Amino acid sequence: MTAVMMTGTMDEPGPVWLTEREVEVLRAWLCTESKASAARELFIAECTVAEHVARVRAKYVAAGRHATTKTALAARLLQDGHVRLDELR
């Protein structure tokens, strides 16, 4: 089972499929200064936040849509409709 949902052609990759939890963790991380802050907000370990971020980045790499920075990952999430701009306080 693949975690990447491709709806376009090879030239136009579709949105990447993410779980609700991945989106929740990424949204918390994007709205805070660090993974540690996001972890405190969600009552999880910092390494859990890091693991979610790494898995999501891997999904985007697999789809040919790299997101190597926090800003690039936020842009990908916005492009794919996983978050809205107003959710990123």
N, C-alpha and C. Protein backbone atom coordinates (compact mmCIF):
# COMPACT_ATOMS: atom_id res chain seq x y z
N MET A 1 0.85 -1.18 0.00
CA MET A 1 0.00 0.00 0.00
C MET A 1 0.88 1.23 0.00
N THR A 2 0.60 2.15 -0.88
CA THR A 2 1.40 3.37 -0.97
C THR A 2 0.69 4.52 -0.27
N ALA A 3 1.46 5.41 0.29
CA ALA A 3 0.89 6.55 0.99
C ALA A 3 0.74 7.75 0.07
N VAL A 4 1.18 7.62 -1.18
CA VAL A 4 1.13 8.74 -2.11
C VAL A 4 -0.03 8.55 -3.06
N MET A 5 -0.87 9.55 -3.16
CA MET A 5 -1.98 9.50 -4.08
C MET A 5 -1.64 10.37 -5.27
N MET A 6 -1.49 9.77 -6.43
CA MET A 6 -1.15 10.52 -7.62
C MET A 6 -2.40 10.65 -8.48
N THR A 7 -2.78 11.88 -8.79
CA THR A 7 -3.97 12.08 -9.61
C THR A 7 -3.65 12.71 -10.94
N GLY A 8 -2.44 13.23 -11.11
CA GLY A 8 -2.07 13.88 -12.35
C GLY A 8 -1.23 12.96 -13.22
N THR A 9 -0.63 13.54 -14.23
CA THR A 9 0.27 12.80 -15.09
C THR A 9 1.64 12.78 -14.45
N MET A 10 2.58 12.11 -15.09
CA MET A 10 3.94 12.09 -14.56
C MET A 10 4.53 13.50 -14.51
N ASP A 11 4.11 14.38 -15.43
CA ASP A 11 4.60 15.75 -15.43
C ASP A 11 3.91 16.60 -14.36
N GLU A 12 2.71 16.20 -13.99
CA GLU A 12 1.93 16.95 -13.02
C GLU A 12 1.50 16.03 -11.88
N PRO A 13 2.37 15.85 -10.89
CA PRO A 13 1.99 14.98 -9.78
C PRO A 13 0.80 15.55 -9.02
N GLY A 14 -0.05 14.67 -8.54
CA GLY A 14 -1.22 15.09 -7.78
C GLY A 14 -0.87 15.32 -6.32
N PRO A 15 -1.88 15.58 -5.52
CA PRO A 15 -1.65 15.82 -4.10
C PRO A 15 -1.14 14.56 -3.40
N VAL A 16 -0.38 14.77 -2.36
CA VAL A 16 0.14 13.68 -1.55
C VAL A 16 -0.88 13.39 -0.45
N TRP A 17 -1.17 12.11 -0.25
CA TRP A 17 -2.12 11.70 0.79
C TRP A 17 -1.42 11.71 2.14
N LEU A 18 -2.05 12.37 3.12
CA LEU A 18 -1.53 12.42 4.48
C LEU A 18 -2.63 12.01 5.44
N THR A 19 -2.24 11.40 6.55
CA THR A 19 -3.22 11.05 7.57
C THR A 19 -3.64 12.31 8.33
N GLU A 20 -4.77 12.22 9.01
CA GLU A 20 -5.23 13.34 9.82
C GLU A 20 -4.20 13.67 10.90
N ARG A 21 -3.60 12.65 11.48
CA ARG A 21 -2.62 12.87 12.54
C ARG A 21 -1.37 13.55 12.00
N GLU A 22 -0.92 13.14 10.82
CA GLU A 22 0.24 13.81 10.21
C GLU A 22 -0.04 15.29 10.01
N VAL A 23 -1.22 15.60 9.52
CA VAL A 23 -1.59 17.00 9.30
C VAL A 23 -1.67 17.75 10.62
N GLU A 24 -2.26 17.13 11.63
CA GLU A 24 -2.36 17.76 12.95
C GLU A 24 -0.98 18.08 13.53
N VAL A 25 -0.06 17.13 13.44
CA VAL A 25 1.28 17.33 13.98
C VAL A 25 2.02 18.39 13.17
N LEU A 26 1.91 18.33 11.86
CA LEU A 26 2.60 19.33 11.03
C LEU A 26 2.04 20.73 11.25
N ARG A 27 0.73 20.82 11.40
CA ARG A 27 0.12 22.13 11.65
C ARG A 27 0.66 22.72 12.96
N ALA A 28 0.73 21.89 13.99
CA ALA A 28 1.26 22.36 15.28
C ALA A 28 2.72 22.79 15.14
N TRP A 29 3.50 22.02 14.41
CA TRP A 29 4.92 22.35 14.21
C TRP A 29 5.08 23.64 13.41
N LEU A 30 4.26 23.81 12.38
CA LEU A 30 4.36 25.01 11.55
C LEU A 30 3.95 26.27 12.32
N CYS A 31 3.11 26.11 13.32
CA CYS A 31 2.62 27.26 14.10
C CYS A 31 3.46 27.55 15.34
N THR A 32 4.51 26.78 15.53
CA THR A 32 5.38 27.01 16.68
C THR A 32 6.81 27.21 16.20
N GLU A 33 7.68 27.52 17.13
CA GLU A 33 9.07 27.80 16.78
C GLU A 33 9.92 26.55 16.63
N SER A 34 9.45 25.43 17.20
CA SER A 34 10.30 24.24 17.19
C SER A 34 9.47 22.97 17.30
N LYS A 35 10.13 21.86 17.04
CA LYS A 35 9.49 20.56 17.24
C LYS A 35 9.18 20.34 18.71
N ALA A 36 10.06 20.82 19.58
CA ALA A 36 9.83 20.68 21.03
C ALA A 36 8.56 21.42 21.45
N SER A 37 8.34 22.60 20.92
CA SER A 37 7.14 23.37 21.25
C SER A 37 5.88 22.66 20.75
N ALA A 38 5.95 22.13 19.54
CA ALA A 38 4.82 21.39 18.99
C ALA A 38 4.53 20.16 19.83
N ALA A 39 5.58 19.48 20.25
CA ALA A 39 5.42 18.28 21.08
C ALA A 39 4.73 18.61 22.40
N ARG A 40 5.14 19.69 23.03
CA ARG A 40 4.51 20.11 24.29
C ARG A 40 3.02 20.42 24.08
N GLU A 41 2.72 21.10 22.98
CA GLU A 41 1.34 21.47 22.68
C GLU A 41 0.46 20.24 22.47
N LEU A 42 1.02 19.20 21.87
CA LEU A 42 0.26 17.99 21.55
C LEU A 42 0.41 16.88 22.60
N PHE A 43 1.24 17.12 23.62
CA PHE A 43 1.50 16.13 24.66
C PHE A 43 2.09 14.83 24.09
N ILE A 44 3.07 15.01 23.19
CA ILE A 44 3.79 13.88 22.61
C ILE A 44 5.28 14.16 22.71
N ALA A 45 6.09 13.18 22.40
CA ALA A 45 7.54 13.35 22.45
C ALA A 45 8.03 14.13 21.23
N GLU A 46 9.11 14.87 21.43
CA GLU A 46 9.71 15.63 20.32
C GLU A 46 10.11 14.70 19.18
N CYS A 47 10.60 13.50 19.52
CA CYS A 47 11.00 12.56 18.47
C CYS A 47 9.80 12.10 17.65
N THR A 48 8.61 12.11 18.24
CA THR A 48 7.40 11.75 17.49
C THR A 48 7.09 12.83 16.46
N VAL A 49 7.23 14.08 16.84
CA VAL A 49 7.05 15.18 15.88
C VAL A 49 8.06 15.03 14.75
N ALA A 50 9.31 14.79 15.11
CA ALA A 50 10.35 14.64 14.08
C ALA A 50 10.05 13.48 13.15
N GLU A 51 9.53 12.40 13.68
CA GLU A 51 9.19 11.24 12.85
C GLU A 51 8.06 11.56 11.88
N HIS A 52 7.04 12.26 12.35
CA HIS A 52 5.94 12.67 11.46
C HIS A 52 6.46 13.58 10.34
N VAL A 53 7.29 14.54 10.69
CA VAL A 53 7.86 15.46 9.69
C VAL A 53 8.67 14.67 8.67
N ALA A 54 9.50 13.75 9.13
CA ALA A 54 10.34 12.95 8.23
C ALA A 54 9.48 12.09 7.30
N ARG A 55 8.43 11.49 7.83
CA ARG A 55 7.55 10.65 6.99
C ARG A 55 6.84 11.47 5.93
N VAL A 56 6.37 12.65 6.30
CA VAL A 56 5.68 13.50 5.33
C VAL A 56 6.66 13.97 4.26
N ARG A 57 7.85 14.36 4.68
CA ARG A 57 8.86 14.76 3.68
C ARG A 57 9.17 13.61 2.73
N ALA A 58 9.24 12.40 3.25
CA ALA A 58 9.50 11.22 2.41
C ALA A 58 8.37 11.00 1.42
N LYS A 59 7.15 11.25 1.83
CA LYS A 59 6.01 11.11 0.91
C LYS A 59 6.12 12.12 -0.23
N TYR A 60 6.52 13.34 0.09
CA TYR A 60 6.68 14.35 -0.95
C TYR A 60 7.85 14.02 -1.87
N VAL A 61 8.92 13.49 -1.33
CA VAL A 61 10.05 13.06 -2.17
C VAL A 61 9.59 11.97 -3.13
N ALA A 62 8.84 10.99 -2.61
CA ALA A 62 8.35 9.89 -3.44
C ALA A 62 7.46 10.39 -4.57
N ALA A 63 6.77 11.50 -4.32
CA ALA A 63 5.89 12.09 -5.33
C ALA A 63 6.64 13.03 -6.27
N GLY A 64 7.95 13.19 -6.03
CA GLY A 64 8.75 14.09 -6.87
C GLY A 64 8.54 15.56 -6.55
N ARG A 65 8.11 15.84 -5.34
CA ARG A 65 7.81 17.21 -4.92
C ARG A 65 8.53 17.50 -3.61
N HIS A 66 9.82 17.62 -3.66
CA HIS A 66 10.65 17.81 -2.48
C HIS A 66 10.21 19.01 -1.65
N ALA A 67 10.35 18.89 -0.34
CA ALA A 67 10.03 19.97 0.60
C ALA A 67 11.08 19.92 1.70
N THR A 68 12.23 20.50 1.43
CA THR A 68 13.37 20.34 2.34
C THR A 68 13.41 21.35 3.48
N THR A 69 12.62 22.40 3.40
CA THR A 69 12.59 23.39 4.47
C THR A 69 11.19 23.46 5.08
N LYS A 70 11.09 24.07 6.22
CA LYS A 70 9.80 24.25 6.88
C LYS A 70 8.86 25.06 5.99
N THR A 71 9.38 26.09 5.36
CA THR A 71 8.57 26.93 4.48
C THR A 71 8.10 26.16 3.26
N ALA A 72 8.98 25.36 2.68
CA ALA A 72 8.61 24.55 1.51
C ALA A 72 7.54 23.53 1.88
N LEU A 73 7.66 22.94 3.05
CA LEU A 73 6.66 21.96 3.49
C LEU A 73 5.31 22.65 3.72
N ALA A 74 5.32 23.83 4.28
CA ALA A 74 4.08 24.59 4.47
C ALA A 74 3.45 24.89 3.12
N ALA A 75 4.25 25.26 2.15
CA ALA A 75 3.74 25.54 0.80
C ALA A 75 3.10 24.30 0.19
N ARG A 76 3.73 23.14 0.35
CA ARG A 76 3.17 21.89 -0.18
C ARG A 76 1.83 21.56 0.47
N LEU A 77 1.76 21.74 1.79
CA LEU A 77 0.51 21.46 2.50
C LEU A 77 -0.60 22.40 2.04
N LEU A 78 -0.26 23.66 1.81
CA LEU A 78 -1.24 24.62 1.28
C LEU A 78 -1.66 24.23 -0.13
N GLN A 79 -0.70 23.90 -0.99
CA GLN A 79 -1.00 23.52 -2.37
C GLN A 79 -1.93 22.32 -2.44
N ASP A 80 -1.74 21.37 -1.55
CA ASP A 80 -2.52 20.14 -1.59
C ASP A 80 -3.82 20.22 -0.78
N GLY A 81 -4.07 21.38 -0.17
CA GLY A 81 -5.31 21.58 0.55
C GLY A 81 -5.37 20.92 1.92
N HIS A 82 -4.22 20.55 2.46
CA HIS A 82 -4.19 19.93 3.78
C HIS A 82 -4.35 20.95 4.90
N VAL A 83 -3.94 22.18 4.64
CA VAL A 83 -4.11 23.27 5.60
C VAL A 83 -4.55 24.52 4.85
N ARG A 84 -5.16 25.42 5.59
CA ARG A 84 -5.52 26.73 5.05
C ARG A 84 -4.56 27.76 5.63
N LEU A 85 -4.37 28.84 4.94
CA LEU A 85 -3.44 29.87 5.40
C LEU A 85 -3.83 30.39 6.78
N ASP A 86 -5.13 30.55 7.04
CA ASP A 86 -5.55 31.08 8.33
C ASP A 86 -5.29 30.09 9.48
N GLU A 87 -5.02 28.82 9.17
CA GLU A 87 -4.70 27.85 10.21
C GLU A 87 -3.23 27.96 10.64
N LEU A 88 -2.44 28.65 9.87
CA LEU A 88 -1.02 28.78 10.16
C LEU A 88 -0.71 30.08 10.87
N ARG A 89 -1.57 30.48 11.77
CA ARG A 89 -1.49 31.71 12.56
C ARG A 89 -0.25 32.49 12.31
